[in-house]
Each structure stands twice: as structure tokens, then as C-alpha cells.
């Protein structure tokens, strides 16, 4: 049974930083693409960043230059380093795992990030 468990969310002031972690279990990890998504109140879930098993990453334009996705295959963990946070970054952040290009197959429970003074 595949499980993804996020951690690291919280309340931070604008301009601050947070690092989210997502630990995977119950699956081979190093060959699959991982992603971070977020959902703000009243908005659709959006894709923030992805990283392939080989470490190739992509970031949404809205976070490019501020957020960095990375992974440690030995620890079966994916990270999202978030710097220069803005109030519009507020939302629930979810990690996900994709076994094919068709869809994201597994999701974590989400971790709340609130950016506010």
C-alpha cells in the first residue's frame, strides 16, 4: 500500500521560508515522478513543481526562482524549499506520485501553509 506523508507546513510571515517534506512508503520510489500541488481556499488545485526519478525538475511560473523541488531517493523523500513566501502562496500543499504520464496515482493528506503577517 502506497503512502505519502507530508510535513513541514505552518504559519510564516511574508518573505519567510519553509521546507516541506514528503516521505513515501510501500512503493519503489526512485523511478517515479513526484510532484507538489497546492490548493488555495476557493480555488482549484494547481501543480507547483515536478521532479523525475532522475532529478529533472520543473516549476510553475508563479514560483519559479522562489521554490525548489528536490528528492533523496535513498530516503524516499521529496522536498519543496519555499523562499520569499507571499500571501498568495497560502494553501494546502499536497505531494503526489505518478507511475505514468496519464495521471497522478497517489496523494498525500496535505499540509497547510499560511503566509500572513
N, C-alpha and C. Protein backbone atom coordinates (compact mmCIF):
# COMPACT_ATOMS: atom_id res chain seq x y z
N UNK A 1 0.85 -1.19 0.00
CA UNK A 1 0.00 0.00 0.00
C UNK A 1 0.89 1.24 0.00
N UNK A 2 0.67 2.10 -0.99
CA UNK A 2 1.48 3.30 -1.12
C UNK A 2 0.99 4.37 -0.14
N UNK A 3 1.92 4.94 0.57
CA UNK A 3 1.58 6.06 1.46
C UNK A 3 2.53 7.22 1.22
N UNK A 4 1.98 8.42 1.18
CA UNK A 4 2.76 9.64 1.09
C UNK A 4 2.38 10.51 2.28
N UNK A 5 3.37 10.93 3.05
CA UNK A 5 3.10 11.70 4.26
C UNK A 5 3.88 13.00 4.19
N UNK A 6 3.13 14.12 4.14
CA UNK A 6 3.77 15.44 4.09
C UNK A 6 4.00 15.98 5.49
N UNK A 7 4.99 16.85 5.60
CA UNK A 7 5.24 17.55 6.85
C UNK A 7 5.94 18.86 6.53
N UNK A 8 5.99 19.76 7.51
CA UNK A 8 6.75 20.99 7.35
C UNK A 8 5.93 22.23 7.13
N UNK A 9 4.62 22.10 7.02
CA UNK A 9 3.80 23.29 6.84
C UNK A 9 3.71 24.11 8.11
N UNK A 10 3.09 25.29 8.00
CA UNK A 10 2.93 26.13 9.16
C UNK A 10 2.60 27.55 8.78
N UNK A 11 2.71 28.43 9.77
CA UNK A 11 2.46 29.85 9.59
C UNK A 11 3.79 30.58 9.47
N UNK A 12 3.91 31.42 8.46
CA UNK A 12 5.16 32.15 8.24
C UNK A 12 4.82 33.55 7.75
N UNK A 13 5.66 34.49 8.05
CA UNK A 13 5.45 35.85 7.60
C UNK A 13 5.85 36.01 6.14
N UNK A 14 5.28 36.99 5.45
CA UNK A 14 5.72 37.25 4.07
C UNK A 14 7.22 37.48 4.02
N UNK A 15 7.83 36.90 3.00
CA UNK A 15 9.28 36.97 2.87
C UNK A 15 10.02 35.84 3.54
N UNK A 16 9.31 35.05 4.32
CA UNK A 16 9.94 33.95 5.04
C UNK A 16 10.09 32.71 4.20
N UNK A 17 10.58 31.65 4.86
CA UNK A 17 10.86 30.38 4.17
C UNK A 17 10.27 29.21 4.94
N UNK A 18 9.96 28.16 4.20
CA UNK A 18 9.55 26.89 4.77
C UNK A 18 10.11 25.78 3.87
N UNK A 19 10.35 24.62 4.46
CA UNK A 19 10.69 23.45 3.66
C UNK A 19 9.70 22.34 3.95
N UNK A 20 9.01 21.93 2.92
CA UNK A 20 8.08 20.81 3.04
C UNK A 20 8.79 19.51 2.69
N UNK A 21 8.38 18.45 3.37
CA UNK A 21 8.90 17.11 3.09
C UNK A 21 7.75 16.17 2.82
N UNK A 22 8.02 15.16 2.01
CA UNK A 22 7.02 14.14 1.72
C UNK A 22 7.73 12.80 1.69
N UNK A 23 7.41 11.95 2.66
CA UNK A 23 8.02 10.64 2.75
C UNK A 23 7.11 9.59 2.13
N UNK A 24 7.70 8.77 1.27
CA UNK A 24 6.94 7.73 0.59
C UNK A 24 7.24 6.36 1.18
N UNK A 25 6.25 5.49 1.18
CA UNK A 25 6.45 4.11 1.61
C UNK A 25 5.54 3.20 0.79
N UNK A 26 5.89 1.92 0.77
CA UNK A 26 5.05 0.94 0.09
C UNK A 26 5.21 0.91 -1.41
N UNK A 27 6.28 1.52 -1.93
CA UNK A 27 6.45 1.55 -3.38
C UNK A 27 7.92 1.74 -3.71
N UNK A 28 8.28 1.29 -4.90
CA UNK A 28 9.56 1.71 -5.45
C UNK A 28 9.48 3.21 -5.65
N UNK A 29 10.54 3.93 -5.31
CA UNK A 29 10.45 5.38 -5.32
C UNK A 29 11.28 6.01 -6.43
N UNK A 30 12.47 5.49 -6.64
CA UNK A 30 13.45 6.22 -7.44
C UNK A 30 13.14 6.30 -8.93
N UNK A 31 12.17 5.53 -9.41
CA UNK A 31 11.88 5.57 -10.84
C UNK A 31 10.68 6.44 -11.19
N UNK A 32 9.97 6.93 -10.17
CA UNK A 32 8.72 7.64 -10.44
C UNK A 32 8.86 9.14 -10.28
N UNK A 33 8.07 9.85 -11.08
CA UNK A 33 8.00 11.30 -10.96
C UNK A 33 7.16 11.68 -9.74
N UNK A 34 7.66 12.66 -9.02
CA UNK A 34 6.96 13.19 -7.85
C UNK A 34 6.53 14.63 -8.14
N UNK A 35 5.48 15.05 -7.48
CA UNK A 35 5.01 16.41 -7.68
C UNK A 35 4.53 17.04 -6.40
N UNK A 36 4.55 18.36 -6.39
CA UNK A 36 3.91 19.15 -5.34
C UNK A 36 2.80 19.97 -5.98
N UNK A 37 1.65 19.98 -5.33
CA UNK A 37 0.50 20.73 -5.78
C UNK A 37 0.02 21.58 -4.61
N UNK A 38 -0.79 22.58 -4.90
CA UNK A 38 -1.37 23.36 -3.81
C UNK A 38 -2.80 23.75 -4.17
N UNK A 39 -3.58 23.97 -3.12
CA UNK A 39 -4.95 24.41 -3.31
C UNK A 39 -5.26 25.52 -2.33
N UNK A 40 -5.53 26.69 -2.87
CA UNK A 40 -5.92 27.82 -2.05
C UNK A 40 -7.43 27.79 -1.83
N UNK A 41 -7.90 28.43 -0.77
CA UNK A 41 -9.34 28.43 -0.49
C UNK A 41 -10.14 28.96 -1.68
N UNK A 42 -11.13 28.21 -2.10
CA UNK A 42 -11.99 28.64 -3.20
C UNK A 42 -11.39 28.51 -4.58
N UNK A 43 -10.22 27.90 -4.68
CA UNK A 43 -9.55 27.77 -5.97
C UNK A 43 -9.29 26.32 -6.29
N UNK A 44 -9.01 26.07 -7.57
CA UNK A 44 -8.68 24.72 -7.98
C UNK A 44 -7.26 24.36 -7.57
N UNK A 45 -7.03 23.09 -7.41
CA UNK A 45 -5.69 22.62 -7.12
C UNK A 45 -4.78 22.91 -8.31
N UNK A 46 -3.57 23.37 -8.04
CA UNK A 46 -2.63 23.67 -9.12
C UNK A 46 -1.30 22.96 -8.89
N UNK A 47 -0.67 22.61 -9.98
CA UNK A 47 0.63 21.96 -9.94
C UNK A 47 1.71 23.00 -9.70
N UNK A 48 2.53 22.76 -8.70
CA UNK A 48 3.57 23.72 -8.33
C UNK A 48 4.92 23.31 -8.92
N UNK A 49 5.27 22.04 -8.78
CA UNK A 49 6.58 21.58 -9.25
C UNK A 49 6.58 20.07 -9.41
N UNK A 50 7.44 19.59 -10.32
CA UNK A 50 7.61 18.15 -10.51
C UNK A 50 9.09 17.82 -10.58
N UNK A 51 9.40 16.56 -10.27
CA UNK A 51 10.78 16.10 -10.39
C UNK A 51 10.75 14.64 -10.80
N UNK A 52 11.53 14.30 -11.83
CA UNK A 52 11.57 12.92 -12.30
C UNK A 52 12.46 12.08 -11.39
N UNK A 53 12.43 10.76 -11.61
CA UNK A 53 13.29 9.89 -10.83
C UNK A 53 14.76 10.23 -11.00
N UNK A 54 15.11 10.74 -12.18
CA UNK A 54 16.49 11.11 -12.44
C UNK A 54 16.87 12.51 -11.99
N UNK A 55 15.89 13.25 -11.43
CA UNK A 55 16.19 14.55 -10.87
C UNK A 55 15.90 15.75 -11.75
N UNK A 56 15.28 15.52 -12.90
CA UNK A 56 14.93 16.67 -13.75
C UNK A 56 13.68 17.32 -13.19
N UNK A 57 13.74 18.64 -12.99
CA UNK A 57 12.64 19.35 -12.32
C UNK A 57 12.01 20.41 -13.20
N UNK A 58 10.76 20.71 -12.86
CA UNK A 58 10.04 21.81 -13.49
C UNK A 58 9.26 22.54 -12.41
N UNK A 59 9.14 23.85 -12.56
CA UNK A 59 8.41 24.66 -11.59
C UNK A 59 7.41 25.55 -12.30
N UNK A 60 6.27 25.78 -11.68
CA UNK A 60 5.29 26.69 -12.22
C UNK A 60 5.87 28.10 -12.28
N UNK A 61 5.43 28.88 -13.24
CA UNK A 61 5.93 30.25 -13.38
C UNK A 61 5.73 31.07 -12.12
N UNK A 62 4.64 30.80 -11.42
CA UNK A 62 4.31 31.58 -10.22
C UNK A 62 5.29 31.37 -9.07
N UNK A 63 6.06 30.29 -9.12
CA UNK A 63 7.00 30.01 -8.02
C UNK A 63 8.45 29.92 -8.50
N UNK A 64 8.66 30.05 -9.79
CA UNK A 64 10.00 29.93 -10.34
C UNK A 64 10.93 30.97 -9.73
N UNK A 65 12.09 30.52 -9.30
CA UNK A 65 13.05 31.42 -8.66
C UNK A 65 12.86 31.54 -7.16
N UNK A 66 11.72 31.05 -6.64
CA UNK A 66 11.47 31.13 -5.20
C UNK A 66 11.37 29.74 -4.57
N UNK A 67 10.80 28.79 -5.29
CA UNK A 67 10.62 27.42 -4.78
C UNK A 67 11.58 26.48 -5.52
N UNK A 68 12.02 25.46 -4.81
CA UNK A 68 12.87 24.44 -5.42
C UNK A 68 12.44 23.07 -4.96
N UNK A 69 12.14 22.20 -5.91
CA UNK A 69 11.81 20.82 -5.60
C UNK A 69 13.08 19.99 -5.68
N UNK A 70 13.21 19.03 -4.78
CA UNK A 70 14.36 18.13 -4.81
C UNK A 70 13.92 16.78 -4.23
N UNK A 71 14.78 15.79 -4.36
CA UNK A 71 14.45 14.48 -3.83
C UNK A 71 15.68 13.77 -3.35
N UNK A 72 15.47 12.86 -2.38
CA UNK A 72 16.52 11.99 -1.87
C UNK A 72 15.99 10.58 -2.05
N UNK A 73 16.45 9.89 -3.08
CA UNK A 73 15.91 8.57 -3.38
C UNK A 73 16.25 7.55 -2.29
N UNK A 74 17.38 7.71 -1.64
CA UNK A 74 17.75 6.78 -0.57
C UNK A 74 16.78 6.88 0.61
N UNK A 75 16.27 8.09 0.83
CA UNK A 75 15.33 8.30 1.93
C UNK A 75 13.88 8.23 1.46
N UNK A 76 13.67 8.04 0.18
CA UNK A 76 12.32 8.01 -0.39
C UNK A 76 11.55 9.27 0.00
N UNK A 77 12.19 10.39 -0.14
CA UNK A 77 11.60 11.65 0.29
C UNK A 77 11.77 12.71 -0.79
N UNK A 78 10.72 13.51 -0.97
CA UNK A 78 10.78 14.65 -1.86
C UNK A 78 10.57 15.90 -1.03
N UNK A 79 11.25 16.98 -1.42
CA UNK A 79 11.21 18.22 -0.65
C UNK A 79 10.71 19.37 -1.53
N UNK A 80 10.20 20.39 -0.88
CA UNK A 80 9.89 21.63 -1.56
C UNK A 80 10.41 22.77 -0.67
N UNK A 81 11.50 23.36 -1.10
CA UNK A 81 12.06 24.51 -0.40
C UNK A 81 11.36 25.75 -0.92
N UNK A 82 10.73 26.49 -0.02
CA UNK A 82 9.95 27.66 -0.40
C UNK A 82 10.57 28.89 0.25
N UNK A 83 11.05 29.80 -0.57
CA UNK A 83 11.66 31.04 -0.10
C UNK A 83 10.85 32.24 -0.58
N UNK A 84 11.09 33.37 0.05
CA UNK A 84 10.41 34.61 -0.31
C UNK A 84 8.90 34.38 -0.44
N UNK A 85 8.33 33.80 0.57
CA UNK A 85 6.91 33.44 0.52
C UNK A 85 6.02 34.67 0.49
N UNK A 86 4.92 34.53 -0.23
CA UNK A 86 3.95 35.61 -0.39
C UNK A 86 2.59 35.17 0.15
N UNK A 87 1.73 36.08 0.51
CA UNK A 87 0.39 35.68 0.99
C UNK A 87 -0.36 34.80 -0.02
N UNK A 88 -0.13 35.02 -1.30
CA UNK A 88 -0.81 34.21 -2.31
C UNK A 88 -0.27 32.79 -2.39
N UNK A 89 0.77 32.47 -1.67
CA UNK A 89 1.26 31.09 -1.59
C UNK A 89 0.48 30.28 -0.55
N UNK A 90 -0.39 30.93 0.17
CA UNK A 90 -1.19 30.25 1.19
C UNK A 90 -2.07 29.17 0.57
N UNK A 91 -2.12 28.01 1.23
CA UNK A 91 -2.96 26.93 0.76
C UNK A 91 -2.55 25.61 1.38
N UNK A 92 -3.25 24.58 0.99
CA UNK A 92 -2.87 23.23 1.39
C UNK A 92 -1.96 22.66 0.31
N UNK A 93 -0.82 22.16 0.72
CA UNK A 93 0.16 21.62 -0.21
C UNK A 93 0.14 20.10 -0.15
N UNK A 94 0.05 19.49 -1.32
CA UNK A 94 -0.02 18.05 -1.43
C UNK A 94 1.15 17.52 -2.26
N UNK A 95 1.70 16.40 -1.84
CA UNK A 95 2.65 15.73 -2.72
C UNK A 95 1.94 14.57 -3.42
N UNK A 96 2.49 14.17 -4.53
CA UNK A 96 1.87 13.13 -5.32
C UNK A 96 2.94 12.32 -6.05
N UNK A 97 2.53 11.12 -6.46
CA UNK A 97 3.43 10.22 -7.18
C UNK A 97 2.74 9.79 -8.47
N UNK A 98 3.49 9.75 -9.54
CA UNK A 98 2.93 9.39 -10.84
C UNK A 98 3.68 8.19 -11.39
N UNK A 99 2.94 7.14 -11.75
CA UNK A 99 3.56 5.96 -12.34
C UNK A 99 3.48 5.96 -13.85
N UNK A 100 2.69 6.87 -14.42
CA UNK A 100 2.60 7.01 -15.86
C UNK A 100 2.33 8.47 -16.17
N UNK A 101 2.34 8.83 -17.43
CA UNK A 101 2.09 10.22 -17.79
C UNK A 101 0.60 10.57 -17.74
N UNK A 102 -0.23 9.55 -17.57
CA UNK A 102 -1.67 9.78 -17.67
C UNK A 102 -2.23 10.57 -16.50
N UNK A 103 -1.79 10.25 -15.28
CA UNK A 103 -2.40 10.92 -14.13
C UNK A 103 -1.52 10.72 -12.90
N UNK A 104 -1.83 11.51 -11.87
CA UNK A 104 -1.17 11.33 -10.59
C UNK A 104 -1.92 10.24 -9.83
N UNK A 105 -1.18 9.19 -9.46
CA UNK A 105 -1.82 7.99 -8.93
C UNK A 105 -2.02 8.02 -7.42
N UNK A 106 -1.10 8.64 -6.72
CA UNK A 106 -1.16 8.62 -5.26
C UNK A 106 -0.95 10.03 -4.72
N UNK A 107 -1.65 10.30 -3.61
CA UNK A 107 -1.61 11.63 -2.99
C UNK A 107 -1.39 11.52 -1.49
N UNK A 108 -0.71 12.53 -0.95
CA UNK A 108 -0.62 12.65 0.49
C UNK A 108 -1.86 13.34 1.05
N UNK A 109 -1.89 13.50 2.35
CA UNK A 109 -3.06 14.08 3.02
C UNK A 109 -3.04 15.59 2.98
N UNK A 110 -1.89 16.18 2.66
CA UNK A 110 -1.78 17.63 2.59
C UNK A 110 -1.24 18.24 3.86
N UNK A 111 -0.57 19.39 3.70
CA UNK A 111 -0.06 20.15 4.83
C UNK A 111 -0.37 21.63 4.58
N UNK A 112 -0.85 22.30 5.62
CA UNK A 112 -1.29 23.69 5.47
C UNK A 112 -0.09 24.63 5.53
N UNK A 113 -0.05 25.56 4.57
CA UNK A 113 0.92 26.64 4.58
C UNK A 113 0.14 27.95 4.59
N UNK A 114 0.43 28.77 5.59
CA UNK A 114 -0.23 30.07 5.70
C UNK A 114 0.84 31.16 5.76
N UNK A 115 0.74 32.09 4.83
CA UNK A 115 1.68 33.20 4.77
C UNK A 115 0.92 34.47 5.14
N UNK A 116 1.24 34.99 6.31
CA UNK A 116 0.49 36.13 6.81
C UNK A 116 1.30 36.87 7.86
N UNK A 117 1.11 38.17 7.92
CA UNK A 117 1.77 38.97 8.95
C UNK A 117 0.85 39.13 10.16
